[in-house]
């Protein structure tokens, strides 16, 4: 199911002038990506499943 900026409440005015919202299908998952702006890249990941080694001791 495509995800667009219309699905996100309370985006600031002008958001879609500076950024593009799209979905990326990867290995059975649909990821939401927002691209735009200036400066270094920033990748935000929500908390979730670990790689399996994060809890290993």
PDB file of N, CA and C in Angstrom:
ATOM      1  N   UNK A   1       0.850  -1.173   0.000  1.00  0.00           N
ATOM      2  CA  UNK A   1       0.000   0.000   0.000  1.00  0.00           C
ATOM      3  C   UNK A   1       0.893   1.231   0.000  1.00  0.00           C
ATOM      4  N   UNK A   2       0.779   2.103  -0.991  1.00  0.00           N
ATOM      5  CA  UNK A   2       1.603   3.312  -1.022  1.00  0.00           C
ATOM      6  C   UNK A   2       1.312   4.218   0.165  1.00  0.00           C
ATOM      7  N   UNK A   3       2.339   4.854   0.660  1.00  0.00           N
ATOM      8  CA  UNK A   3       2.256   5.776   1.785  1.00  0.00           C
ATOM      9  C   UNK A   3       2.654   7.148   1.264  1.00  0.00           C
ATOM     10  N   UNK A   4       1.854   8.157   1.517  1.00  0.00           N
ATOM     11  CA  UNK A   4       2.172   9.498   1.033  1.00  0.00           C
ATOM     12  C   UNK A   4       2.144  10.498   2.179  1.00  0.00           C
ATOM     13  N   UNK A   5       2.609  11.706   1.908  1.00  0.00           N
ATOM     14  CA  UNK A   5       2.583  12.748   2.931  1.00  0.00           C
ATOM     15  C   UNK A   5       1.167  13.085   3.371  1.00  0.00           C
ATOM     16  N   UNK A   6       0.167  12.723   2.566  1.00  0.00           N
ATOM     17  CA  UNK A   6      -1.228  12.952   2.957  1.00  0.00           C
ATOM     18  C   UNK A   6      -1.648  12.044   4.104  1.00  0.00           C
ATOM     19  N   UNK A   7      -0.897  10.952   4.333  1.00  0.00           N
ATOM     20  CA  UNK A   7      -1.202  10.016   5.411  1.00  0.00           C
ATOM     21  C   UNK A   7      -0.618  10.463   6.753  1.00  0.00           C
ATOM     22  N   UNK A   8       0.218  11.509   6.737  1.00  0.00           N
ATOM     23  CA  UNK A   8       0.872  11.984   7.956  1.00  0.00           C
ATOM     24  C   UNK A   8       0.189  13.267   8.417  1.00  0.00           C
ATOM     25  N   UNK A   9      -0.356  13.279   9.622  1.00  0.00           N
ATOM     26  CA  UNK A   9      -1.045  14.482  10.093  1.00  0.00           C
ATOM     27  C   UNK A   9      -0.066  15.588  10.492  1.00  0.00           C
ATOM     28  N   UNK A  10      -0.492  16.803  10.370  1.00  0.00           N
ATOM     29  CA  UNK A  10       0.193  17.995  10.875  1.00  0.00           C
ATOM     30  C   UNK A  10       1.583  18.239  10.299  1.00  0.00           C
ATOM     31  N   UNK A  11       1.766  18.001   9.020  1.00  0.00           N
ATOM     32  CA  UNK A  11       3.031  18.382   8.408  1.00  0.00           C
ATOM     33  C   UNK A  11       3.057  19.901   8.266  1.00  0.00           C
ATOM     34  N   UNK A  12       4.220  20.525   8.419  1.00  0.00           N
ATOM     35  CA  UNK A  12       4.277  21.980   8.305  1.00  0.00           C
ATOM     36  C   UNK A  12       3.959  22.450   6.889  1.00  0.00           C
ATOM     37  N   UNK A  13       3.430  23.666   6.794  1.00  0.00           N
ATOM     38  CA  UNK A  13       3.174  24.251   5.483  1.00  0.00           C
ATOM     39  C   UNK A  13       4.474  24.292   4.689  1.00  0.00           C
ATOM     40  N   UNK A  14       4.394  23.982   3.413  1.00  0.00           N
ATOM     41  CA  UNK A  14       5.563  23.997   2.544  1.00  0.00           C
ATOM     42  C   UNK A  14       6.383  22.723   2.567  1.00  0.00           C
ATOM     43  N   UNK A  15       5.981  21.728   3.354  1.00  0.00           N
ATOM     44  CA  UNK A  15       6.739  20.478   3.451  1.00  0.00           C
ATOM     45  C   UNK A  15       6.936  19.852   2.080  1.00  0.00           C
ATOM     46  N   UNK A  16       5.872  19.766   1.306  1.00  0.00           N
ATOM     47  CA  UNK A  16       5.964  19.089   0.009  1.00  0.00           C
ATOM     48  C   UNK A  16       6.696  19.929  -1.027  1.00  0.00           C
ATOM     49  N   UNK A  17       6.970  21.205  -0.721  1.00  0.00           N
ATOM     50  CA  UNK A  17       7.783  22.017  -1.625  1.00  0.00           C
ATOM     51  C   UNK A  17       9.268  21.677  -1.476  1.00  0.00           C
ATOM     52  N   UNK A  18       9.671  21.253  -0.284  1.00  0.00           N
ATOM     53  CA  UNK A  18      11.080  20.996  -0.002  1.00  0.00           C
ATOM     54  C   UNK A  18      11.438  19.514   0.053  1.00  0.00           C
ATOM     55  N   UNK A  19      10.440  18.652   0.297  1.00  0.00           N
ATOM     56  CA  UNK A  19      10.710  17.227   0.486  1.00  0.00           C
ATOM     57  C   UNK A  19       9.785  16.386  -0.373  1.00  0.00           C
ATOM     58  N   UNK A  20      10.259  15.196  -0.708  1.00  0.00           N
ATOM     59  CA  UNK A  20       9.465  14.231  -1.466  1.00  0.00           C
ATOM     60  C   UNK A  20       9.276  12.987  -0.609  1.00  0.00           C
ATOM     61  N   UNK A  21       8.042  12.532  -0.521  1.00  0.00           N
ATOM     62  CA  UNK A  21       7.703  11.345   0.252  1.00  0.00           C
ATOM     63  C   UNK A  21       7.405  10.205  -0.717  1.00  0.00           C
ATOM     64  N   UNK A  22       7.986   9.037  -0.442  1.00  0.00           N
ATOM     65  CA  UNK A  22       7.730   7.882  -1.308  1.00  0.00           C
ATOM     66  C   UNK A  22       7.897   6.613  -0.497  1.00  0.00           C
ATOM     67  N   UNK A  23       7.479   5.507  -1.081  1.00  0.00           N
ATOM     68  CA  UNK A  23       7.670   4.211  -0.436  1.00  0.00           C
ATOM     69  C   UNK A  23       8.691   3.408  -1.225  1.00  0.00           C
ATOM     70  N   UNK A  24       9.390   2.537  -0.510  1.00  0.00           N
ATOM     71  CA  UNK A  24      10.374   1.648  -1.111  1.00  0.00           C
ATOM     72  C   UNK A  24      10.043   0.239  -0.640  1.00  0.00           C
ATOM     73  N   UNK A  25       9.871  -0.679  -1.574  1.00  0.00           N
ATOM     74  CA  UNK A  25       9.626  -2.078  -1.229  1.00  0.00           C
ATOM     75  C   UNK A  25      10.962  -2.806  -1.164  1.00  0.00           C
ATOM     76  N   UNK A  26      11.235  -3.430  -0.018  1.00  0.00           N
ATOM     77  CA  UNK A  26      12.508  -4.128   0.167  1.00  0.00           C
ATOM     78  C   UNK A  26      12.274  -5.427   0.919  1.00  0.00           C
ATOM     79  N   UNK A  27      12.494  -6.528   0.252  1.00  0.00           N
ATOM     80  CA  UNK A  27      12.420  -7.848   0.870  1.00  0.00           C
ATOM     81  C   UNK A  27      11.100  -8.080   1.608  1.00  0.00           C
ATOM     82  N   UNK A  28      10.006  -7.699   0.972  1.00  0.00           N
ATOM     83  CA  UNK A  28       8.688  -7.927   1.551  1.00  0.00           C
ATOM     84  C   UNK A  28       8.222  -6.845   2.510  1.00  0.00           C
ATOM     85  N   UNK A  29       9.049  -5.839   2.763  1.00  0.00           N
ATOM     86  CA  UNK A  29       8.670  -4.728   3.635  1.00  0.00           C
ATOM     87  C   UNK A  29       8.435  -3.480   2.805  1.00  0.00           C
ATOM     88  N   UNK A  30       7.515  -2.653   3.239  1.00  0.00           N
ATOM     89  CA  UNK A  30       7.314  -1.359   2.608  1.00  0.00           C
ATOM     90  C   UNK A  30       7.851  -0.295   3.552  1.00  0.00           C
ATOM     91  N   UNK A  31       8.873   0.425   3.098  1.00  0.00           N
ATOM     92  CA  UNK A  31       9.513   1.456   3.895  1.00  0.00           C
ATOM     93  C   UNK A  31       9.096   2.827   3.392  1.00  0.00           C
ATOM     94  N   UNK A  32       8.897   3.764   4.305  1.00  0.00           N
ATOM     95  CA  UNK A  32       8.572   5.134   3.932  1.00  0.00           C
ATOM     96  C   UNK A  32       9.858   5.932   3.906  1.00  0.00           C
ATOM     97  N   UNK A  33      10.123   6.628   2.799  1.00  0.00           N
ATOM     98  CA  UNK A  33      11.331   7.445   2.664  1.00  0.00           C
ATOM     99  C   UNK A  33      10.946   8.875   2.345  1.00  0.00           C
ATOM    100  N   UNK A  34      11.633   9.807   2.977  1.00  0.00           N
ATOM    101  CA  UNK A  34      11.452  11.233   2.702  1.00  0.00           C
ATOM    102  C   UNK A  34      12.808  11.766   2.284  1.00  0.00           C
ATOM    103  N   UNK A  35      12.879  12.387   1.113  1.00  0.00           N
ATOM    104  CA  UNK A  35      14.138  12.916   0.613  1.00  0.00           C
ATOM    105  C   UNK A  35      14.010  14.400   0.344  1.00  0.00           C
ATOM    106  N   UNK A  36      15.107  15.121   0.510  1.00  0.00           N
ATOM    107  CA  UNK A  36      15.141  16.545   0.218  1.00  0.00           C
ATOM    108  C   UNK A  36      16.033  17.284   1.185  1.00  0.00           C
ATOM    109  N   UNK A  37      16.082  18.582   1.035  1.00  0.00           N
ATOM    110  CA  UNK A  37      16.865  19.415   1.938  1.00  0.00           C
ATOM    111  C   UNK A  37      18.315  19.514   1.530  1.00  0.00           C
ATOM    112  N   UNK A  38      19.119  20.107   2.414  1.00  0.00           N
ATOM    113  CA  UNK A  38      20.547  20.318   2.184  1.00  0.00           C
ATOM    114  C   UNK A  38      21.331  19.750   3.350  1.00  0.00           C
ATOM    115  N   UNK A  39      22.603  19.525   3.125  1.00  0.00           N
ATOM    116  CA  UNK A  39      23.466  19.085   4.208  1.00  0.00           C
ATOM    117  C   UNK A  39      23.702  17.592   4.186  1.00  0.00           C
ATOM    118  N   UNK A  40      24.345  17.098   5.255  1.00  0.00           N
ATOM    119  CA  UNK A  40      24.662  15.677   5.319  1.00  0.00           C
ATOM    120  C   UNK A  40      23.400  14.815   5.383  1.00  0.00           C
ATOM    121  N   UNK A  41      23.532  13.602   4.919  1.00  0.00           N
ATOM    122  CA  UNK A  41      22.398  12.672   4.958  1.00  0.00           C
ATOM    123  C   UNK A  41      22.056  12.321   6.400  1.00  0.00           C
ATOM    124  N   UNK A  42      20.774  12.102   6.648  1.00  0.00           N
ATOM    125  CA  UNK A  42      20.291  11.714   7.965  1.00  0.00           C
ATOM    126  C   UNK A  42      19.373  10.523   7.783  1.00  0.00           C
ATOM    127  N   UNK A  43      19.643   9.444   8.484  1.00  0.00           N
ATOM    128  CA  UNK A  43      18.827   8.236   8.411  1.00  0.00           C
ATOM    129  C   UNK A  43      18.208   7.996   9.775  1.00  0.00           C
ATOM    130  N   UNK A  44      16.886   8.021   9.835  1.00  0.00           N
ATOM    131  CA  UNK A  44      16.160   7.779  11.083  1.00  0.00           C
ATOM    132  C   UNK A  44      15.512   6.411  11.013  1.00  0.00           C
ATOM    133  N   UNK A  45      15.783   5.572  12.000  1.00  0.00           N
ATOM    134  CA  UNK A  45      15.208   4.235  12.053  1.00  0.00           C
ATOM    135  C   UNK A  45      14.410   4.095  13.336  1.00  0.00           C
ATOM    136  N   UNK A  46      13.190   3.583  13.248  1.00  0.00           N
ATOM    137  CA  UNK A  46      12.407   3.383  14.460  1.00  0.00           C
ATOM    138  C   UNK A  46      12.940   2.195  15.256  1.00  0.00           C
ATOM    139  N   UNK A  47      12.676   2.163  16.547  1.00  0.00           N
ATOM    140  CA  UNK A  47      13.074   0.974  17.313  1.00  0.00           C
ATOM    141  C   UNK A  47      12.322  -0.241  16.798  1.00  0.00           C
ATOM    142  N   UNK A  48      12.934  -1.367  16.879  1.00  0.00           N
ATOM    143  CA  UNK A  48      12.274  -2.575  16.377  1.00  0.00           C
ATOM    144  C   UNK A  48      13.149  -3.779  16.589  1.00  0.00           C
ATOM    145  N   UNK A  49      13.000  -4.727  15.697  1.00  0.00           N
ATOM    146  CA  UNK A  49      13.749  -5.976  15.816  1.00  0.00           C
ATOM    147  C   UNK A  49      15.230  -5.715  15.660  1.00  0.00           C
ATOM    148  N   UNK A  50      16.014  -6.416  16.443  1.00  0.00           N
ATOM    149  CA  UNK A  50      17.466  -6.285  16.345  1.00  0.00           C
ATOM    150  C   UNK A  50      18.004  -7.256  15.320  1.00  0.00           C
ATOM    151  N   UNK A  51      19.288  -7.112  15.056  1.00  0.00           N
ATOM    152  CA  UNK A  51      19.927  -7.984  14.076  1.00  0.00           C
ATOM    153  C   UNK A  51      20.185  -9.378  14.638  1.00  0.00           C
ATOM    154  N   UNK A  52      19.906  -9.559  15.922  1.00  0.00           N
ATOM    155  CA  UNK A  52      20.162 -10.859  16.536  1.00  0.00           C
ATOM    156  C   UNK A  52      21.462 -10.858  17.324  1.00  0.00           C
ATOM    157  N   UNK A  53      22.379  -9.958  16.965  1.00  0.00           N
ATOM    158  CA  UNK A  53      23.639  -9.884  17.707  1.00  0.00           C
ATOM    159  C   UNK A  53      23.600  -8.781  18.759  1.00  0.00           C
ATOM    160  N   UNK A  54      22.631  -7.899  18.693  1.00  0.00           N
ATOM    161  CA  UNK A  54      22.582  -6.777  19.631  1.00  0.00           C
ATOM    162  C   UNK A  54      22.404  -7.252  21.071  1.00  0.00           C
ATOM    163  N   UNK A  55      21.680  -8.338  21.285  1.00  0.00           N
ATOM    164  CA  UNK A  55      21.445  -8.833  22.633  1.00  0.00           C
ATOM    165  C   UNK A  55      22.409  -9.916  23.076  1.00  0.00           C
ATOM    166  N   UNK A  56      23.300 -10.316  22.167  1.00  0.00           N
ATOM    167  CA  UNK A  56      24.237 -11.400  22.503  1.00  0.00           C
ATOM    168  C   UNK A  56      25.302 -10.896  23.470  1.00  0.00           C
ATOM    169  N   UNK A  57      25.613 -11.740  24.450  1.00  0.00           N
ATOM    170  CA  UNK A  57      26.665 -11.354  25.419  1.00  0.00           C
ATOM    171  C   UNK A  57      27.611 -12.504  25.612  1.00  0.00           C
TER     172      UNK A  57
END
